[in-house]
Amino acid sequence: MLSVTLMFGLTRPNAPNVTQAEWDAFLHNTVTPRFPSGLSVLEASGQWQDRETGRIIQEPSRIVQVITPFTPGLANSLNTIQNTYAKRFQQQSVGLVIKPVCASF
């Protein structure tokens, strides 16, 4: 089994923050279909360094945690989630951590 953590910032450079309705739609339409067995969403406060300016940025964030078996399509699913969010909400990146775990439900 794998523990997958995705980190999504909610601020945009040229628009208001991602709204709850926008986040819910993204989760429902993009993330949930790729992980229908279940996931957890946590509200967080993120911090990162802007690639262009070097400034430290703090922003409201969402963390999606998924426990999933390795499948041949996993990397593609994760790339689609990252790229869709980054493009739709003007993000430089979406954080991703994958760790092997022993888990049961």
C-alpha atoms as a PDB file:
ATOM      1  CA  MET A   1       0.000   0.000   0.000  1.00  0.00           C
ATOM      2  CA  LEU A   2       1.010   3.607  -0.544  1.00  0.00           C
ATOM      3  CA  SER A   3       0.243   6.770   1.362  1.00  0.00           C
ATOM      4  CA  VAL A   4      -0.270   9.608  -1.097  1.00  0.00           C
ATOM      5  CA  THR A   5      -0.351  13.203   0.118  1.00  0.00           C
ATOM      6  CA  LEU A   6      -1.283  16.038  -2.232  1.00  0.00           C
ATOM      7  CA  MET A   7      -0.861  19.667  -1.119  1.00  0.00           C
ATOM      8  CA  PHE A   8      -2.959  22.387  -2.755  1.00  0.00           C
ATOM      9  CA  GLY A   9      -2.509  26.120  -2.164  1.00  0.00           C
ATOM     10  CA  LEU A  10      -5.648  28.238  -2.283  1.00  0.00           C
ATOM     11  CA  THR A  11      -4.223  31.652  -3.233  1.00  0.00           C
ATOM     12  CA  ARG A  12      -3.975  32.816  -6.839  1.00  0.00           C
ATOM     13  CA  PRO A  13      -1.675  35.529  -8.167  1.00  0.00           C
ATOM     14  CA  ASN A  14      -4.291  37.395 -10.207  1.00  0.00           C
ATOM     15  CA  ALA A  15      -7.621  36.380  -8.710  1.00  0.00           C
ATOM     16  CA  PRO A  16      -9.330  35.868  -5.363  1.00  0.00           C
ATOM     17  CA  ASN A  17      -8.518  32.726  -3.379  1.00  0.00           C
ATOM     18  CA  VAL A  18      -9.999  29.438  -4.540  1.00  0.00           C
ATOM     19  CA  THR A  19     -13.512  29.370  -3.074  1.00  0.00           C
ATOM     20  CA  GLN A  20     -15.049  26.486  -1.180  1.00  0.00           C
ATOM     21  CA  ALA A  21     -17.398  25.862  -4.119  1.00  0.00           C
ATOM     22  CA  GLU A  22     -14.468  25.766  -6.578  1.00  0.00           C
ATOM     23  CA  TRP A  23     -12.527  23.406  -4.290  1.00  0.00           C
ATOM     24  CA  ASP A  24     -15.555  21.132  -3.816  1.00  0.00           C
ATOM     25  CA  ALA A  25     -16.123  20.953  -7.587  1.00  0.00           C
ATOM     26  CA  PHE A  26     -12.448  20.145  -8.233  1.00  0.00           C
ATOM     27  CA  LEU A  27     -12.479  17.443  -5.561  1.00  0.00           C
ATOM     28  CA  HIS A  28     -15.736  15.944  -6.867  1.00  0.00           C
ATOM     29  CA  ASN A  29     -14.867  16.083 -10.579  1.00  0.00           C
ATOM     30  CA  THR A  30     -11.098  15.495 -10.631  1.00  0.00           C
ATOM     31  CA  VAL A  31      -9.889  13.759  -7.455  1.00  0.00           C
ATOM     32  CA  THR A  32     -12.764  11.536  -6.300  1.00  0.00           C
ATOM     33  CA  PRO A  33     -13.211   9.713  -9.646  1.00  0.00           C
ATOM     34  CA  ARG A  34      -9.547   8.646  -9.456  1.00  0.00           C
ATOM     35  CA  PHE A  35      -9.785   7.502  -5.813  1.00  0.00           C
ATOM     36  CA  PRO A  36     -13.405   6.394  -5.306  1.00  0.00           C
ATOM     37  CA  SER A  37     -12.490   4.028  -2.443  1.00  0.00           C
ATOM     38  CA  GLY A  38     -11.892   6.979  -0.143  1.00  0.00           C
ATOM     39  CA  LEU A  39      -9.692   9.889   0.846  1.00  0.00           C
ATOM     40  CA  SER A  40      -9.331  12.501   3.559  1.00  0.00           C
ATOM     41  CA  VAL A  41      -9.212  16.274   3.130  1.00  0.00           C
ATOM     42  CA  LEU A  42      -7.518  18.450   5.743  1.00  0.00           C
ATOM     43  CA  GLU A  43      -7.514  22.231   6.031  1.00  0.00           C
ATOM     44  CA  ALA A  44      -3.975  23.535   6.462  1.00  0.00           C
ATOM     45  CA  SER A  45      -1.754  26.580   6.387  1.00  0.00           C
ATOM     46  CA  GLY A  46       1.030  26.173   3.840  1.00  0.00           C
ATOM     47  CA  GLN A  47       4.331  27.934   3.326  1.00  0.00           C
ATOM     48  CA  TRP A  48       6.580  27.903   0.256  1.00  0.00           C
ATOM     49  CA  GLN A  49       9.191  29.974  -1.554  1.00  0.00           C
ATOM     50  CA  ASP A  50       8.135  31.709  -4.764  1.00  0.00           C
ATOM     51  CA  ARG A  51      10.373  30.518  -7.630  1.00  0.00           C
ATOM     52  CA  GLU A  52      10.368  33.884  -9.378  1.00  0.00           C
ATOM     53  CA  THR A  53      10.739  36.338  -6.487  1.00  0.00           C
ATOM     54  CA  GLY A  54      12.303  34.208  -3.747  1.00  0.00           C
ATOM     55  CA  ARG A  55       9.664  35.502  -1.301  1.00  0.00           C
ATOM     56  CA  ILE A  56       8.293  33.212   1.398  1.00  0.00           C
ATOM     57  CA  ILE A  57       4.554  32.843   0.863  1.00  0.00           C
ATOM     58  CA  GLN A  58       2.052  31.664   3.469  1.00  0.00           C
ATOM     59  CA  GLU A  59      -1.396  30.648   2.336  1.00  0.00           C
ATOM     60  CA  PRO A  60      -4.462  28.640   3.255  1.00  0.00           C
ATOM     61  CA  SER A  61      -4.191  25.145   1.806  1.00  0.00           C
ATOM     62  CA  ARG A  62      -5.891  21.796   1.474  1.00  0.00           C
ATOM     63  CA  ILE A  63      -4.173  18.454   1.985  1.00  0.00           C
ATOM     64  CA  VAL A  64      -5.624  15.335   0.387  1.00  0.00           C
ATOM     65  CA  GLN A  65      -4.505  12.051   1.928  1.00  0.00           C
ATOM     66  CA  VAL A  66      -5.114   8.764   0.101  1.00  0.00           C
ATOM     67  CA  ILE A  67      -4.139   5.222   1.059  1.00  0.00           C
ATOM     68  CA  THR A  68      -4.047   3.195  -2.147  1.00  0.00           C
ATOM     69  CA  PRO A  69      -2.433   0.140  -3.681  1.00  0.00           C
ATOM     70  CA  PHE A  70       0.135   0.701  -6.401  1.00  0.00           C
ATOM     71  CA  THR A  71      -1.529   0.398  -9.793  1.00  0.00           C
ATOM     72  CA  PRO A  72      -0.131   0.932 -13.298  1.00  0.00           C
ATOM     73  CA  GLY A  73      -2.298   4.050 -13.721  1.00  0.00           C
ATOM     74  CA  LEU A  74      -1.443   5.680 -10.382  1.00  0.00           C
ATOM     75  CA  ALA A  75       1.256   8.036 -11.697  1.00  0.00           C
ATOM     76  CA  ASN A  76      -0.999   9.199 -14.528  1.00  0.00           C
ATOM     77  CA  SER A  77      -3.880   9.841 -12.117  1.00  0.00           C
ATOM     78  CA  LEU A  78      -1.673  11.888  -9.810  1.00  0.00           C
ATOM     79  CA  ASN A  79      -0.161  13.869 -12.697  1.00  0.00           C
ATOM     80  CA  THR A  80      -3.639  14.658 -14.012  1.00  0.00           C
ATOM     81  CA  ILE A  81      -4.760  15.902 -10.590  1.00  0.00           C
ATOM     82  CA  GLN A  82      -1.641  18.054 -10.174  1.00  0.00           C
ATOM     83  CA  ASN A  83      -1.725  19.511 -13.686  1.00  0.00           C
ATOM     84  CA  THR A  84      -5.473  20.181 -13.676  1.00  0.00           C
ATOM     85  CA  TYR A  85      -5.334  22.056 -10.374  1.00  0.00           C
ATOM     86  CA  ALA A  86      -2.202  24.020 -11.296  1.00  0.00           C
ATOM     87  CA  LYS A  87      -3.668  25.153 -14.615  1.00  0.00           C
ATOM     88  CA  ARG A  88      -7.191  25.873 -13.378  1.00  0.00           C
ATOM     89  CA  PHE A  89      -6.124  27.816 -10.283  1.00  0.00           C
ATOM     90  CA  GLN A  90      -2.888  29.479 -11.508  1.00  0.00           C
ATOM     91  CA  GLN A  91      -0.535  27.492  -9.251  1.00  0.00           C
ATOM     92  CA  GLN A  92       3.225  27.091  -9.723  1.00  0.00           C
ATOM     93  CA  SER A  93       2.952  23.536  -8.426  1.00  0.00           C
ATOM     94  CA  VAL A  94       0.976  21.032  -6.382  1.00  0.00           C
ATOM     95  CA  GLY A  95       2.945  19.177  -3.722  1.00  0.00           C
ATOM     96  CA  LEU A  96       3.077  15.386  -3.826  1.00  0.00           C
ATOM     97  CA  VAL A  97       4.524  12.894  -1.341  1.00  0.00           C
ATOM     98  CA  ILE A  98       4.301   9.117  -1.817  1.00  0.00           C
ATOM     99  CA  LYS A  99       5.386   6.699   0.908  1.00  0.00           C
ATOM    100  CA  PRO A 100       5.059   2.925   1.278  1.00  0.00           C
ATOM    101  CA  VAL A 101       2.891   2.047   4.287  1.00  0.00           C
ATOM    102  CA  CYS A 102       1.330  -0.877   6.069  1.00  0.00           C
ATOM    103  CA  ALA A 103      -2.382  -0.035   6.327  1.00  0.00           C
ATOM    104  CA  SER A 104      -5.737  -1.724   6.740  1.00  0.00           C
ATOM    105  CA  PHE A 105      -9.350  -0.598   6.937  1.00  0.00           C
END
